Amino acid sequence: MNLNNVATKAATDASDAIGSSLSKDELEKVTAVIVRAMEMAVLEASSQHSTACVNCLSHEKDLAHKIQEEMNLKKIALIANLSGLR
């Protein structure tokens, strides 16, 4: 999944939905807004997943921390990908 393509398609779909054609500059600005929204969603979901991991595996603290570390690595990679779209 190429996140730049996802954000650009969402911006184009939004433009089509309102029946307006966006200029290249406007499309880039809308795409940037979508990227920021995706970043915020990733951070929120990651936080919720991390909390759930610790809560569900409280009896297995080592396993919970290993899963939490792996999730953080994936989150960092995704945020780096999203940040590269700007």
PDB file of N, CA and C in Angstrom:
ATOM      1  N   MET A   1       0.847  -1.165   0.000  1.00  0.00           N
ATOM      2  CA  MET A   1       0.000   0.000   0.000  1.00  0.00           C
ATOM      3  C   MET A   1       0.899   1.235   0.000  1.00  0.00           C
ATOM      4  N   ASN A   2       0.814   2.012  -1.032  1.00  0.00           N
ATOM      5  CA  ASN A   2       1.563   3.257  -1.128  1.00  0.00           C
ATOM      6  C   ASN A   2       0.699   4.365  -0.532  1.00  0.00           C
ATOM      7  N   LEU A   3       1.168   4.913   0.590  1.00  0.00           N
ATOM      8  CA  LEU A   3       0.353   5.899   1.312  1.00  0.00           C
ATOM      9  C   LEU A   3       0.170   7.188   0.531  1.00  0.00           C
ATOM     10  N   ASN A   4       1.143   7.546  -0.278  1.00  0.00           N
ATOM     11  CA  ASN A   4       0.998   8.741  -1.107  1.00  0.00           C
ATOM     12  C   ASN A   4      -0.164   8.549  -2.079  1.00  0.00           C
ATOM     13  N   ASN A   5      -0.254   7.375  -2.670  1.00  0.00           N
ATOM     14  CA  ASN A   5      -1.368   7.089  -3.580  1.00  0.00           C
ATOM     15  C   ASN A   5      -2.708   7.125  -2.845  1.00  0.00           C
ATOM     16  N   VAL A   6      -2.732   6.584  -1.625  1.00  0.00           N
ATOM     17  CA  VAL A   6      -3.966   6.579  -0.834  1.00  0.00           C
ATOM     18  C   VAL A   6      -4.407   8.010  -0.542  1.00  0.00           C
ATOM     19  N   ALA A   7      -3.477   8.851  -0.086  1.00  0.00           N
ATOM     20  CA  ALA A   7      -3.810  10.240   0.254  1.00  0.00           C
ATOM     21  C   ALA A   7      -4.234  11.019  -0.987  1.00  0.00           C
ATOM     22  N   THR A   8      -3.532  10.835  -2.091  1.00  0.00           N
ATOM     23  CA  THR A   8      -3.867  11.547  -3.320  1.00  0.00           C
ATOM     24  C   THR A   8      -5.232  11.106  -3.843  1.00  0.00           C
ATOM     25  N   LYS A   9      -5.506   9.798  -3.779  1.00  0.00           N
ATOM     26  CA  LYS A   9      -6.810   9.302  -4.239  1.00  0.00           C
ATOM     27  C   LYS A   9      -7.925   9.853  -3.357  1.00  0.00           C
ATOM     28  N   ALA A  10      -7.692   9.925  -2.059  1.00  0.00           N
ATOM     29  CA  ALA A  10      -8.706  10.483  -1.158  1.00  0.00           C
ATOM     30  C   ALA A  10      -8.968  11.944  -1.491  1.00  0.00           C
ATOM     31  N   ALA A  11      -7.921  12.702  -1.781  1.00  0.00           N
ATOM     32  CA  ALA A  11      -8.087  14.113  -2.142  1.00  0.00           C
ATOM     33  C   ALA A  11      -8.858  14.243  -3.457  1.00  0.00           C
ATOM     34  N   THR A  12      -8.527  13.398  -4.418  1.00  0.00           N
ATOM     35  CA  THR A  12      -9.221  13.416  -5.707  1.00  0.00           C
ATOM     36  C   THR A  12     -10.683  13.016  -5.539  1.00  0.00           C
ATOM     37  N   ASP A  13     -10.924  11.985  -4.726  1.00  0.00           N
ATOM     38  CA  ASP A  13     -12.304  11.548  -4.466  1.00  0.00           C
ATOM     39  C   ASP A  13     -13.109  12.656  -3.785  1.00  0.00           C
ATOM     40  N   ALA A  14     -12.468  13.379  -2.862  1.00  0.00           N
ATOM     41  CA  ALA A  14     -13.152  14.491  -2.191  1.00  0.00           C
ATOM     42  C   ALA A  14     -13.507  15.576  -3.205  1.00  0.00           C
ATOM     43  N   SER A  15     -12.586  15.854  -4.096  1.00  0.00           N
ATOM     44  CA  SER A  15     -12.828  16.847  -5.141  1.00  0.00           C
ATOM     45  C   SER A  15     -14.005  16.424  -6.017  1.00  0.00           C
ATOM     46  N   ASP A  16     -14.016  15.160  -6.402  1.00  0.00           N
ATOM     47  CA  ASP A  16     -15.108  14.633  -7.230  1.00  0.00           C
ATOM     48  C   ASP A  16     -16.440  14.683  -6.470  1.00  0.00           C
ATOM     49  N   ALA A  17     -16.388  14.390  -5.167  1.00  0.00           N
ATOM     50  CA  ALA A  17     -17.609  14.339  -4.365  1.00  0.00           C
ATOM     51  C   ALA A  17     -18.286  15.704  -4.272  1.00  0.00           C
ATOM     52  N   ILE A  18     -17.478  16.762  -4.273  1.00  0.00           N
ATOM     53  CA  ILE A  18     -18.080  18.097  -4.194  1.00  0.00           C
ATOM     54  C   ILE A  18     -18.302  18.704  -5.577  1.00  0.00           C
ATOM     55  N   GLY A  19     -17.936  17.945  -6.600  1.00  0.00           N
ATOM     56  CA  GLY A  19     -18.168  18.398  -7.966  1.00  0.00           C
ATOM     57  C   GLY A  19     -17.296  19.560  -8.383  1.00  0.00           C
ATOM     58  N   SER A  20     -16.099  19.604  -7.853  1.00  0.00           N
ATOM     59  CA  SER A  20     -15.190  20.705  -8.155  1.00  0.00           C
ATOM     60  C   SER A  20     -13.840  20.136  -8.573  1.00  0.00           C
ATOM     61  N   SER A  21     -13.215  20.783  -9.512  1.00  0.00           N
ATOM     62  CA  SER A  21     -11.896  20.360  -9.949  1.00  0.00           C
ATOM     63  C   SER A  21     -10.849  21.186  -9.208  1.00  0.00           C
ATOM     64  N   LEU A  22      -9.943  20.504  -8.532  1.00  0.00           N
ATOM     65  CA  LEU A  22      -8.893  21.187  -7.786  1.00  0.00           C
ATOM     66  C   LEU A  22      -7.668  21.408  -8.656  1.00  0.00           C
ATOM     67  N   SER A  23      -7.025  22.541  -8.458  1.00  0.00           N
ATOM     68  CA  SER A  23      -5.755  22.784  -9.141  1.00  0.00           C
ATOM     69  C   SER A  23      -4.697  21.865  -8.525  1.00  0.00           C
ATOM     70  N   LYS A  24      -3.548  21.773  -9.162  1.00  0.00           N
ATOM     71  CA  LYS A  24      -2.474  20.926  -8.641  1.00  0.00           C
ATOM     72  C   LYS A  24      -2.075  21.386  -7.240  1.00  0.00           C
ATOM     73  N   ASP A  25      -1.981  22.686  -7.033  1.00  0.00           N
ATOM     74  CA  ASP A  25      -1.610  23.228  -5.718  1.00  0.00           C
ATOM     75  C   ASP A  25      -2.671  22.896  -4.680  1.00  0.00           C
ATOM     76  N   GLU A  26      -3.936  23.046  -5.036  1.00  0.00           N
ATOM     77  CA  GLU A  26      -5.020  22.732  -4.108  1.00  0.00           C
ATOM     78  C   GLU A  26      -5.032  21.241  -3.773  1.00  0.00           C
ATOM     79  N   LEU A  27      -4.805  20.408  -4.788  1.00  0.00           N
ATOM     80  CA  LEU A  27      -4.769  18.966  -4.571  1.00  0.00           C
ATOM     81  C   LEU A  27      -3.643  18.604  -3.601  1.00  0.00           C
ATOM     82  N   GLU A  28      -2.491  19.234  -3.741  1.00  0.00           N
ATOM     83  CA  GLU A  28      -1.364  18.982  -2.842  1.00  0.00           C
ATOM     84  C   GLU A  28      -1.706  19.409  -1.419  1.00  0.00           C
ATOM     85  N   LYS A  29      -2.391  20.545  -1.268  1.00  0.00           N
ATOM     86  CA  LYS A  29      -2.768  21.022   0.064  1.00  0.00           C
ATOM     87  C   LYS A  29      -3.774  20.074   0.718  1.00  0.00           C
ATOM     88  N   VAL A  30      -4.754  19.625  -0.041  1.00  0.00           N
ATOM     89  CA  VAL A  30      -5.748  18.697   0.495  1.00  0.00           C
ATOM     90  C   VAL A  30      -5.084  17.370   0.839  1.00  0.00           C
ATOM     91  N   THR A  31      -4.171  16.918  -0.004  1.00  0.00           N
ATOM     92  CA  THR A  31      -3.436  15.684   0.268  1.00  0.00           C
ATOM     93  C   THR A  31      -2.663  15.812   1.574  1.00  0.00           C
ATOM     94  N   ALA A  32      -2.039  16.967   1.814  1.00  0.00           N
ATOM     95  CA  ALA A  32      -1.284  17.188   3.052  1.00  0.00           C
ATOM     96  C   ALA A  32      -2.198  17.122   4.275  1.00  0.00           C
ATOM     97  N   VAL A  33      -3.405  17.657   4.152  1.00  0.00           N
ATOM     98  CA  VAL A  33      -4.368  17.585   5.255  1.00  0.00           C
ATOM     99  C   VAL A  33      -4.722  16.128   5.537  1.00  0.00           C
ATOM    100  N   ILE A  34      -4.913  15.355   4.489  1.00  0.00           N
ATOM    101  CA  ILE A  34      -5.254  13.936   4.641  1.00  0.00           C
ATOM    102  C   ILE A  34      -4.094  13.183   5.282  1.00  0.00           C
ATOM    103  N   VAL A  35      -2.875  13.492   4.892  1.00  0.00           N
ATOM    104  CA  VAL A  35      -1.694  12.851   5.476  1.00  0.00           C
ATOM    105  C   VAL A  35      -1.632  13.142   6.974  1.00  0.00           C
ATOM    106  N   ARG A  36      -1.855  14.396   7.360  1.00  0.00           N
ATOM    107  CA  ARG A  36      -1.835  14.745   8.788  1.00  0.00           C
ATOM    108  C   ARG A  36      -2.930  13.985   9.542  1.00  0.00           C
ATOM    109  N   ALA A  37      -4.085  13.842   8.928  1.00  0.00           N
ATOM    110  CA  ALA A  37      -5.181  13.095   9.564  1.00  0.00           C
ATOM    111  C   ALA A  37      -4.795  11.624   9.732  1.00  0.00           C
ATOM    112  N   MET A  38      -4.143  11.058   8.717  1.00  0.00           N
ATOM    113  CA  MET A  38      -3.705   9.667   8.817  1.00  0.00           C
ATOM    114  C   MET A  38      -2.659   9.517   9.919  1.00  0.00           C
ATOM    115  N   GLU A  39      -1.742  10.477  10.036  1.00  0.00           N
ATOM    116  CA  GLU A  39      -0.730  10.426  11.098  1.00  0.00           C
ATOM    117  C   GLU A  39      -1.397  10.425  12.466  1.00  0.00           C
ATOM    118  N   MET A  40      -2.366  11.313  12.660  1.00  0.00           N
ATOM    119  CA  MET A  40      -3.057  11.389  13.945  1.00  0.00           C
ATOM    120  C   MET A  40      -3.816  10.086  14.235  1.00  0.00           C
ATOM    121  N   ALA A  41      -4.429   9.515  13.222  1.00  0.00           N
ATOM    122  CA  ALA A  41      -5.157   8.259  13.401  1.00  0.00           C
ATOM    123  C   ALA A  41      -4.205   7.131  13.782  1.00  0.00           C
ATOM    124  N   VAL A  42      -3.042   7.098  13.145  1.00  0.00           N
ATOM    125  CA  VAL A  42      -2.050   6.066  13.459  1.00  0.00           C
ATOM    126  C   VAL A  42      -1.584   6.213  14.898  1.00  0.00           C
ATOM    127  N   LEU A  43      -1.286   7.429  15.318  1.00  0.00           N
ATOM    128  CA  LEU A  43      -0.817   7.653  16.687  1.00  0.00           C
ATOM    129  C   LEU A  43      -1.873   7.251  17.713  1.00  0.00           C
ATOM    130  N   GLU A  44      -3.125   7.617  17.464  1.00  0.00           N
ATOM    131  CA  GLU A  44      -4.199   7.276  18.391  1.00  0.00           C
ATOM    132  C   GLU A  44      -4.423   5.764  18.444  1.00  0.00           C
ATOM    133  N   ALA A  45      -4.487   5.121  17.289  1.00  0.00           N
ATOM    134  CA  ALA A  45      -4.700   3.671  17.252  1.00  0.00           C
ATOM    135  C   ALA A  45      -3.542   2.943  17.915  1.00  0.00           C
ATOM    136  N   SER A  46      -2.339   3.407  17.665  1.00  0.00           N
ATOM    137  CA  SER A  46      -1.162   2.782  18.255  1.00  0.00           C
ATOM    138  C   SER A  46      -1.190   2.886  19.775  1.00  0.00           C
ATOM    139  N   SER A  47      -1.585   4.031  20.267  1.00  0.00           N
ATOM    140  CA  SER A  47      -1.677   4.222  21.713  1.00  0.00           C
ATOM    141  C   SER A  47      -2.718   3.279  22.326  1.00  0.00           C
ATOM    142  N   GLN A  48      -3.854   3.161  21.658  1.00  0.00           N
ATOM    143  CA  GLN A  48      -4.907   2.273  22.146  1.00  0.00           C
ATOM    144  C   GLN A  48      -4.458   0.813  22.112  1.00  0.00           C
ATOM    145  N   HIS A  49      -3.768   0.423  21.045  1.00  0.00           N
ATOM    146  CA  HIS A  49      -3.291  -0.961  20.930  1.00  0.00           C
ATOM    147  C   HIS A  49      -2.242  -1.267  21.991  1.00  0.00           C
ATOM    148  N   SER A  50      -1.373  -0.311  22.231  1.00  0.00           N
ATOM    149  CA  SER A  50      -0.332  -0.487  23.229  1.00  0.00           C
ATOM    150  C   SER A  50      -0.943  -0.672  24.615  1.00  0.00           C
ATOM    151  N   THR A  51      -1.930   0.138  24.931  1.00  0.00           N
ATOM    152  CA  THR A  51      -2.616   0.027  26.221  1.00  0.00           C
ATOM    153  C   THR A  51      -3.317  -1.324  26.337  1.00  0.00           C
ATOM    154  N   ALA A  52      -3.977  -1.744  25.281  1.00  0.00           N
ATOM    155  CA  ALA A  52      -4.669  -3.037  25.293  1.00  0.00           C
ATOM    156  C   ALA A  52      -3.683  -4.181  25.476  1.00  0.00           C
ATOM    157  N   CYS A  53      -2.542  -4.067  24.839  1.00  0.00           N
ATOM    158  CA  CYS A  53      -1.508  -5.103  24.946  1.00  0.00           C
ATOM    159  C   CYS A  53      -1.061  -5.253  26.396  1.00  0.00           C
ATOM    160  N   VAL A  54      -0.758  -4.133  27.023  1.00  0.00           N
ATOM    161  CA  VAL A  54      -0.305  -4.177  28.416  1.00  0.00           C
ATOM    162  C   VAL A  54      -1.416  -4.699  29.328  1.00  0.00           C
ATOM    163  N   ASN A  55      -2.644  -4.252  29.092  1.00  0.00           N
ATOM    164  CA  ASN A  55      -3.767  -4.696  29.929  1.00  0.00           C
ATOM    165  C   ASN A  55      -4.033  -6.192  29.782  1.00  0.00           C
ATOM    166  N   CYS A  56      -3.986  -6.692  28.574  1.00  0.00           N
ATOM    167  CA  CYS A  56      -4.310  -8.101  28.329  1.00  0.00           C
ATOM    168  C   CYS A  56      -3.182  -9.044  28.732  1.00  0.00           C
ATOM    169  N   LEU A  57      -1.981  -8.538  28.713  1.00  0.00           N
ATOM    170  CA  LEU A  57      -0.838  -9.395  29.026  1.00  0.00           C
ATOM    171  C   LEU A  57      -0.140  -8.970  30.312  1.00  0.00           C
ATOM    172  N   SER A  58      -0.902  -8.441  31.250  1.00  0.00           N
ATOM    173  CA  SER A  58      -0.293  -7.965  32.492  1.00  0.00           C
ATOM    174  C   SER A  58       0.422  -9.090  33.243  1.00  0.00           C
ATOM    175  N   HIS A  59      -0.045 -10.311  33.074  1.00  0.00           N
ATOM    176  CA  HIS A  59       0.590 -11.460  33.720  1.00  0.00           C
ATOM    177  C   HIS A  59       1.865 -11.898  32.984  1.00  0.00           C
ATOM    178  N   GLU A  60       2.056 -11.455  31.774  1.00  0.00           N
ATOM    179  CA  GLU A  60       3.226 -11.775  30.947  1.00  0.00           C
ATOM    180  C   GLU A  60       3.927 -10.480  30.553  1.00  0.00           C
ATOM    181  N   LYS A  61       4.507  -9.803  31.514  1.00  0.00           N
ATOM    182  CA  LYS A  61       5.073  -8.476  31.270  1.00  0.00           C
ATOM    183  C   LYS A  61       6.160  -8.485  30.196  1.00  0.00           C
ATOM    184  N   ASP A  62       7.020  -9.505  30.178  1.00  0.00           N
ATOM    185  CA  ASP A  62       8.069  -9.561  29.154  1.00  0.00           C
ATOM    186  C   ASP A  62       7.469  -9.648  27.762  1.00  0.00           C
ATOM    187  N   LEU A  63       6.482 -10.502  27.588  1.00  0.00           N
ATOM    188  CA  LEU A  63       5.824 -10.647  26.289  1.00  0.00           C
ATOM    189  C   LEU A  63       5.109  -9.353  25.909  1.00  0.00           C
ATOM    190  N   ALA A  64       4.449  -8.728  26.870  1.00  0.00           N
ATOM    191  CA  ALA A  64       3.744  -7.478  26.601  1.00  0.00           C
ATOM    192  C   ALA A  64       4.713  -6.405  26.128  1.00  0.00           C
ATOM    193  N   HIS A  65       5.866  -6.319  26.771  1.00  0.00           N
ATOM    194  CA  HIS A  65       6.840  -5.305  26.375  1.00  0.00           C
ATOM    195  C   HIS A  65       7.459  -5.607  25.012  1.00  0.00           C
ATOM    196  N   LYS A  66       7.667  -6.878  24.710  1.00  0.00           N
ATOM    197  CA  LYS A  66       8.187  -7.249  23.387  1.00  0.00           C
ATOM    198  C   LYS A  66       7.184  -6.871  22.298  1.00  0.00           C
ATOM    199  N   ILE A  67       5.923  -7.162  22.536  1.00  0.00           N
ATOM    200  CA  ILE A  67       4.885  -6.809  21.557  1.00  0.00           C
ATOM    201  C   ILE A  67       4.793  -5.296  21.431  1.00  0.00           C
ATOM    202  N   GLN A  68       4.859  -4.608  22.550  1.00  0.00           N
ATOM    203  CA  GLN A  68       4.788  -3.154  22.556  1.00  0.00           C
ATOM    204  C   GLN A  68       5.955  -2.552  21.767  1.00  0.00           C
ATOM    205  N   GLU A  69       7.160  -3.092  21.947  1.00  0.00           N
ATOM    206  CA  GLU A  69       8.323  -2.611  21.206  1.00  0.00           C
ATOM    207  C   GLU A  69       8.160  -2.838  19.703  1.00  0.00           C
ATOM    208  N   GLU A  70       7.662  -3.998  19.319  1.00  0.00           N
ATOM    209  CA  GLU A  70       7.442  -4.299  17.907  1.00  0.00           C
ATOM    210  C   GLU A  70       6.397  -3.359  17.310  1.00  0.00           C
ATOM    211  N   MET A  71       5.336  -3.087  18.060  1.00  0.00           N
ATOM    212  CA  MET A  71       4.312  -2.162  17.592  1.00  0.00           C
ATOM    213  C   MET A  71       4.893  -0.764  17.425  1.00  0.00           C
ATOM    214  N   ASN A  72       5.744  -0.347  18.340  1.00  0.00           N
ATOM    215  CA  ASN A  72       6.366   0.975  18.239  1.00  0.00           C
ATOM    216  C   ASN A  72       7.254   1.074  17.007  1.00  0.00           C
ATOM    217  N   LEU A  73       7.997   0.006  16.703  1.00  0.00           N
ATOM    218  CA  LEU A  73       8.837   0.013  15.499  1.00  0.00           C
ATOM    219  C   LEU A  73       7.984   0.153  14.245  1.00  0.00           C
ATOM    220  N   LYS A  74       6.873  -0.560  14.189  1.00  0.00           N
ATOM    221  CA  LYS A  74       5.974  -0.474  13.037  1.00  0.00           C
ATOM    222  C   LYS A  74       5.363   0.923  12.941  1.00  0.00           C
ATOM    223  N   LYS A  75       5.008   1.496  14.100  1.00  0.00           N
ATOM    224  CA  LYS A  75       4.427   2.843  14.115  1.00  0.00           C
ATOM    225  C   LYS A  75       5.444   3.854  13.607  1.00  0.00           C
ATOM    226  N   ILE A  76       6.688   3.739  14.048  1.00  0.00           N
ATOM    227  CA  ILE A  76       7.738   4.665  13.612  1.00  0.00           C
ATOM    228  C   ILE A  76       7.929   4.576  12.103  1.00  0.00           C
ATOM    229  N   ALA A  77       7.927   3.362  11.563  1.00  0.00           N
ATOM    230  CA  ALA A  77       8.085   3.185  10.118  1.00  0.00           C
ATOM    231  C   ALA A  77       6.905   3.806   9.367  1.00  0.00           C
ATOM    232  N   LEU A  78       5.705   3.619   9.878  1.00  0.00           N
ATOM    233  CA  LEU A  78       4.525   4.179   9.213  1.00  0.00           C
ATOM    234  C   LEU A  78       4.528   5.705   9.282  1.00  0.00           C
ATOM    235  N   ILE A  79       4.872   6.261  10.423  1.00  0.00           N
ATOM    236  CA  ILE A  79       4.928   7.719  10.564  1.00  0.00           C
ATOM    237  C   ILE A  79       6.005   8.284   9.643  1.00  0.00           C
ATOM    238  N   ALA A  80       7.141   7.599   9.529  1.00  0.00           N
ATOM    239  CA  ALA A  80       8.199   8.059   8.618  1.00  0.00           C
ATOM    240  C   ALA A  80       7.679   8.054   7.175  1.00  0.00           C
ATOM    241  N   ASN A  81       6.927   7.012   6.817  1.00  0.00           N
ATOM    242  CA  ASN A  81       6.334   6.929   5.486  1.00  0.00           C
ATOM    243  C   ASN A  81       5.366   8.081   5.276  1.00  0.00           C
ATOM    244  N   LEU A  82       4.515   8.330   6.245  1.00  0.00           N
ATOM    245  CA  LEU A  82       3.543   9.417   6.128  1.00  0.00           C
ATOM    246  C   LEU A  82       4.251  10.771   6.071  1.00  0.00           C
ATOM    247  N   SER A  83       5.265  10.946   6.880  1.00  0.00           N
ATOM    248  CA  SER A  83       6.005  12.215   6.889  1.00  0.00           C
ATOM    249  C   SER A  83       6.696  12.454   5.553  1.00  0.00           C
ATOM    250  N   GLY A  84       7.095  11.393   4.899  1.00  0.00           N
ATOM    251  CA  GLY A  84       7.729  11.522   3.584  1.00  0.00           C
ATOM    252  C   GLY A  84       6.772  12.025   2.507  1.00  0.00           C
ATOM    253  N   LEU A  85       5.482  11.988   2.789  1.00  0.00           N
ATOM    254  CA  LEU A  85       4.491  12.448   1.817  1.00  0.00           C
ATOM    255  C   LEU A  85       4.384  13.959   1.772  1.00  0.00           C
ATOM    256  N   ARG A  86       4.897  14.617   2.797  1.00  0.00           N
ATOM    257  CA  ARG A  86       4.750  16.078   2.884  1.00  0.00           C
ATOM    258  C   ARG A  86       5.620  16.782   1.886  1.00  0.00           C
TER     259      ARG A  86
END
